[in-house]
Amino acid sequence: MIANNKYETRDSKCSSISKGIGEKLMFLLIGGGIGASIALLFAPKPGRELRRDIADAAAEGYDQTLDAANRAKEQAVEYYEEAKEKGDEILNVVAEKAYALKEELTDDAAKIGAKVASATNRVTESVKSRQIF
């Protein structure tokens, strides 16, 4: 149960980092779009040309946003794959160590059981030899 909490904490940290990067990227793109729009509005151009420039800038901003979203998605998939591989590696190491520990404990338990049986036999023989019957 403790291990699950560690993984959940790590997953929540990864998702909060990804969310923070996505939010910063979104604000950057929005700020860039607003700045470009303001620059176009104050440029000395006729209305038709200005509207065309604003439409072009909006389309370019939209395309850039889609590209950024696709890159963020690809990066998130890569992070997920990497985290999954690392988690599998850790799980395999833990499973191997647990199996080795189980084998060691089984051997130790068998040795202790043999010593207890030997001591029991000695006590039984000692008691039998002291009986007067």
C-alpha atoms as a PDB file:
ATOM      1  CA  MET A   1       0.000   0.000   0.000  1.00  0.00           C
ATOM      2  CA  ILE A   2       2.869   2.366   0.772  1.00  0.00           C
ATOM      3  CA  ALA A   3       4.473   1.682  -2.618  1.00  0.00           C
ATOM      4  CA  ASN A   4       1.218   2.567  -4.389  1.00  0.00           C
ATOM      5  CA  ASN A   5       1.136   5.895  -2.565  1.00  0.00           C
ATOM      6  CA  LYS A   6       4.691   6.623  -3.730  1.00  0.00           C
ATOM      7  CA  TYR A   7       3.737   5.867  -7.335  1.00  0.00           C
ATOM      8  CA  GLU A   8       0.569   7.919  -7.066  1.00  0.00           C
ATOM      9  CA  THR A   9       2.582  10.816  -5.650  1.00  0.00           C
ATOM     10  CA  ARG A  10       5.107  10.557  -8.490  1.00  0.00           C
ATOM     11  CA  ASP A  11       2.292  10.345 -11.077  1.00  0.00           C
ATOM     12  CA  SER A  12       0.583  13.377  -9.579  1.00  0.00           C
ATOM     13  CA  LYS A  13       3.899  15.281  -9.619  1.00  0.00           C
ATOM     14  CA  CYS A  14       4.445  14.379 -13.296  1.00  0.00           C
ATOM     15  CA  SER A  15       0.924  15.415 -14.223  1.00  0.00           C
ATOM     16  CA  SER A  16       1.238  18.696 -12.280  1.00  0.00           C
ATOM     17  CA  ILE A  17       4.556  19.427 -14.024  1.00  0.00           C
ATOM     18  CA  SER A  18       3.011  18.688 -17.419  1.00  0.00           C
ATOM     19  CA  LYS A  19      -0.002  20.803 -16.518  1.00  0.00           C
ATOM     20  CA  GLY A  20       2.255  23.675 -15.434  1.00  0.00           C
ATOM     21  CA  ILE A  21       4.218  23.525 -18.686  1.00  0.00           C
ATOM     22  CA  GLY A  22       1.009  23.426 -20.711  1.00  0.00           C
ATOM     23  CA  GLU A  23      -0.435  26.389 -18.850  1.00  0.00           C
ATOM     24  CA  LYS A  24       2.748  28.438 -19.312  1.00  0.00           C
ATOM     25  CA  LEU A  25       2.828  27.584 -23.009  1.00  0.00           C
ATOM     26  CA  MET A  26      -0.829  28.541 -23.376  1.00  0.00           C
ATOM     27  CA  PHE A  27      -0.281  31.898 -21.633  1.00  0.00           C
ATOM     28  CA  LEU A  28       2.781  32.546 -23.792  1.00  0.00           C
ATOM     29  CA  LEU A  29       0.811  31.925 -26.971  1.00  0.00           C
ATOM     30  CA  ILE A  30      -2.142  34.017 -25.795  1.00  0.00           C
ATOM     31  CA  GLY A  31       0.178  36.853 -24.803  1.00  0.00           C
ATOM     32  CA  GLY A  32       1.956  36.654 -28.150  1.00  0.00           C
ATOM     33  CA  GLY A  33      -1.366  36.770 -29.975  1.00  0.00           C
ATOM     34  CA  ILE A  34      -2.548  39.743 -27.969  1.00  0.00           C
ATOM     35  CA  GLY A  35       0.743  41.556 -28.544  1.00  0.00           C
ATOM     36  CA  ALA A  36       0.637  40.874 -32.282  1.00  0.00           C
ATOM     37  CA  SER A  37      -2.976  42.058 -32.495  1.00  0.00           C
ATOM     38  CA  ILE A  38      -2.179  45.280 -30.643  1.00  0.00           C
ATOM     39  CA  ALA A  39       0.827  45.884 -32.881  1.00  0.00           C
ATOM     40  CA  LEU A  40      -1.363  45.433 -35.943  1.00  0.00           C
ATOM     41  CA  LEU A  41      -4.042  47.721 -34.600  1.00  0.00           C
ATOM     42  CA  PHE A  42      -1.580  50.548 -34.103  1.00  0.00           C
ATOM     43  CA  ALA A  43       0.156  50.047 -37.445  1.00  0.00           C
ATOM     44  CA  PRO A  44      -0.689  52.691 -40.043  1.00  0.00           C
ATOM     45  CA  LYS A  45      -2.584  50.524 -42.575  1.00  0.00           C
ATOM     46  CA  PRO A  46      -5.986  50.775 -44.240  1.00  0.00           C
ATOM     47  CA  GLY A  47      -8.864  48.823 -42.645  1.00  0.00           C
ATOM     48  CA  ARG A  48      -9.073  46.051 -45.263  1.00  0.00           C
ATOM     49  CA  GLU A  49      -5.348  45.375 -45.135  1.00  0.00           C
ATOM     50  CA  LEU A  50      -5.364  45.519 -41.336  1.00  0.00           C
ATOM     51  CA  ARG A  51      -8.244  43.021 -41.110  1.00  0.00           C
ATOM     52  CA  ARG A  52      -6.429  40.689 -43.500  1.00  0.00           C
ATOM     53  CA  ASP A  53      -3.258  40.969 -41.403  1.00  0.00           C
ATOM     54  CA  ILE A  54      -5.231  40.244 -38.219  1.00  0.00           C
ATOM     55  CA  ALA A  55      -6.884  37.217 -39.851  1.00  0.00           C
ATOM     56  CA  ASP A  56      -3.484  35.974 -41.055  1.00  0.00           C
ATOM     57  CA  ALA A  57      -1.976  36.470 -37.601  1.00  0.00           C
ATOM     58  CA  ALA A  58      -4.919  34.651 -35.994  1.00  0.00           C
ATOM     59  CA  ALA A  59      -4.572  31.741 -38.413  1.00  0.00           C
ATOM     60  CA  GLU A  60      -0.828  31.610 -37.791  1.00  0.00           C
ATOM     61  CA  GLY A  61      -1.403  31.717 -34.030  1.00  0.00           C
ATOM     62  CA  TYR A  62      -3.943  28.903 -34.333  1.00  0.00           C
ATOM     63  CA  ASP A  63      -1.480  26.802 -36.348  1.00  0.00           C
ATOM     64  CA  GLN A  64       1.293  27.484 -33.845  1.00  0.00           C
ATOM     65  CA  THR A  65      -1.025  26.518 -31.000  1.00  0.00           C
ATOM     66  CA  LEU A  66      -1.894  23.226 -32.712  1.00  0.00           C
ATOM     67  CA  ASP A  67       1.799  22.524 -33.313  1.00  0.00           C
ATOM     68  CA  ALA A  68       2.623  23.297 -29.688  1.00  0.00           C
ATOM     69  CA  ALA A  69      -0.243  21.105 -28.486  1.00  0.00           C
ATOM     70  CA  ASN A  70       0.950  18.228 -30.680  1.00  0.00           C
ATOM     71  CA  ARG A  71       4.518  18.602 -29.407  1.00  0.00           C
ATOM     72  CA  ALA A  72       3.248  18.676 -25.819  1.00  0.00           C
ATOM     73  CA  LYS A  73       1.179  15.556 -26.477  1.00  0.00           C
ATOM     74  CA  GLU A  74       4.161  13.740 -27.994  1.00  0.00           C
ATOM     75  CA  GLN A  75       6.336  14.760 -25.064  1.00  0.00           C
ATOM     76  CA  ALA A  76       3.696  13.571 -22.595  1.00  0.00           C
ATOM     77  CA  VAL A  77       3.530  10.211 -24.384  1.00  0.00           C
ATOM     78  CA  GLU A  78       7.336   9.945 -24.238  1.00  0.00           C
ATOM     79  CA  TYR A  79       7.334  10.779 -20.510  1.00  0.00           C
ATOM     80  CA  TYR A  80       4.606   8.210 -19.925  1.00  0.00           C
ATOM     81  CA  GLU A  81       6.496   5.507 -21.838  1.00  0.00           C
ATOM     82  CA  GLU A  82       9.721   6.295 -19.979  1.00  0.00           C
ATOM     83  CA  ALA A  83       7.974   6.284 -16.606  1.00  0.00           C
ATOM     84  CA  LYS A  84       6.260   2.992 -17.445  1.00  0.00           C
ATOM     85  CA  GLU A  85       9.575   1.388 -18.416  1.00  0.00           C
ATOM     86  CA  LYS A  86      11.244   2.625 -15.221  1.00  0.00           C
ATOM     87  CA  GLY A  87       8.306   1.392 -13.167  1.00  0.00           C
ATOM     88  CA  ASP A  88       8.520  -2.037 -14.800  1.00  0.00           C
ATOM     89  CA  GLU A  89      12.259  -2.175 -14.112  1.00  0.00           C
ATOM     90  CA  ILE A  90      11.709  -1.250 -10.471  1.00  0.00           C
ATOM     91  CA  LEU A  91       8.924  -3.798 -10.163  1.00  0.00           C
ATOM     92  CA  ASN A  92      11.168  -6.539 -11.585  1.00  0.00           C
ATOM     93  CA  VAL A  93      14.015  -5.674  -9.209  1.00  0.00           C
ATOM     94  CA  VAL A  94      11.661  -5.642  -6.232  1.00  0.00           C
ATOM     95  CA  ALA A  95      10.116  -8.957  -7.289  1.00  0.00           C
ATOM     96  CA  GLU A  96      13.559 -10.556  -7.643  1.00  0.00           C
ATOM     97  CA  LYS A  97      14.670  -9.261  -4.248  1.00  0.00           C
ATOM     98  CA  ALA A  98      11.426 -10.415  -2.626  1.00  0.00           C
ATOM     99  CA  TYR A  99      11.836 -13.889  -4.140  1.00  0.00           C
ATOM    100  CA  ALA A 100      15.459 -14.105  -2.938  1.00  0.00           C
ATOM    101  CA  LEU A 101      14.417 -12.960   0.528  1.00  0.00           C
ATOM    102  CA  LYS A 102      11.608 -15.535   0.577  1.00  0.00           C
ATOM    103  CA  GLU A 103      14.063 -18.288  -0.357  1.00  0.00           C
ATOM    104  CA  GLU A 104      16.490 -17.147   2.334  1.00  0.00           C
ATOM    105  CA  LEU A 105      13.743 -17.041   4.953  1.00  0.00           C
ATOM    106  CA  THR A 106      12.517 -20.472   3.896  1.00  0.00           C
ATOM    107  CA  ASP A 107      16.036 -21.873   4.325  1.00  0.00           C
ATOM    108  CA  ASP A 108      16.430 -20.162   7.700  1.00  0.00           C
ATOM    109  CA  ALA A 109      13.046 -21.475   8.838  1.00  0.00           C
ATOM    110  CA  ALA A 110      14.059 -25.016   7.807  1.00  0.00           C
ATOM    111  CA  LYS A 111      17.332 -24.713   9.758  1.00  0.00           C
ATOM    112  CA  ILE A 112      15.513 -23.403  12.826  1.00  0.00           C
ATOM    113  CA  GLY A 113      12.946 -26.177  12.511  1.00  0.00           C
ATOM    114  CA  ALA A 114      15.714 -28.786  12.349  1.00  0.00           C
ATOM    115  CA  LYS A 115      17.417 -27.309  15.428  1.00  0.00           C
ATOM    116  CA  VAL A 116      14.110 -27.269  17.330  1.00  0.00           C
ATOM    117  CA  ALA A 117      13.411 -30.885  16.330  1.00  0.00           C
ATOM    118  CA  SER A 118      16.932 -31.907  17.402  1.00  0.00           C
ATOM    119  CA  ALA A 119      16.555 -30.136  20.738  1.00  0.00           C
ATOM    120  CA  THR A 120      13.136 -31.716  21.213  1.00  0.00           C
ATOM    121  CA  ASN A 121      14.573 -35.173  20.530  1.00  0.00           C
ATOM    122  CA  ARG A 122      17.424 -34.587  22.994  1.00  0.00           C
ATOM    123  CA  VAL A 123      15.007 -33.449  25.692  1.00  0.00           C
ATOM    124  CA  THR A 124      12.725 -36.419  24.982  1.00  0.00           C
ATOM    125  CA  GLU A 125      15.645 -38.864  25.179  1.00  0.00           C
ATOM    126  CA  SER A 126      16.873 -37.218  28.379  1.00  0.00           C
ATOM    127  CA  VAL A 127      13.451 -37.497  29.964  1.00  0.00           C
ATOM    128  CA  LYS A 128      13.093 -41.133  28.874  1.00  0.00           C
ATOM    129  CA  SER A 129      16.505 -42.052  30.276  1.00  0.00           C
ATOM    130  CA  ARG A 130      15.618 -40.556  33.659  1.00  0.00           C
ATOM    131  CA  GLN A 131      12.374 -42.452  34.043  1.00  0.00           C
ATOM    132  CA  ILE A 132      12.349 -45.112  36.671  1.00  0.00           C
ATOM    133  CA  PHE A 133       9.871 -47.440  35.005  1.00  0.00           C
END
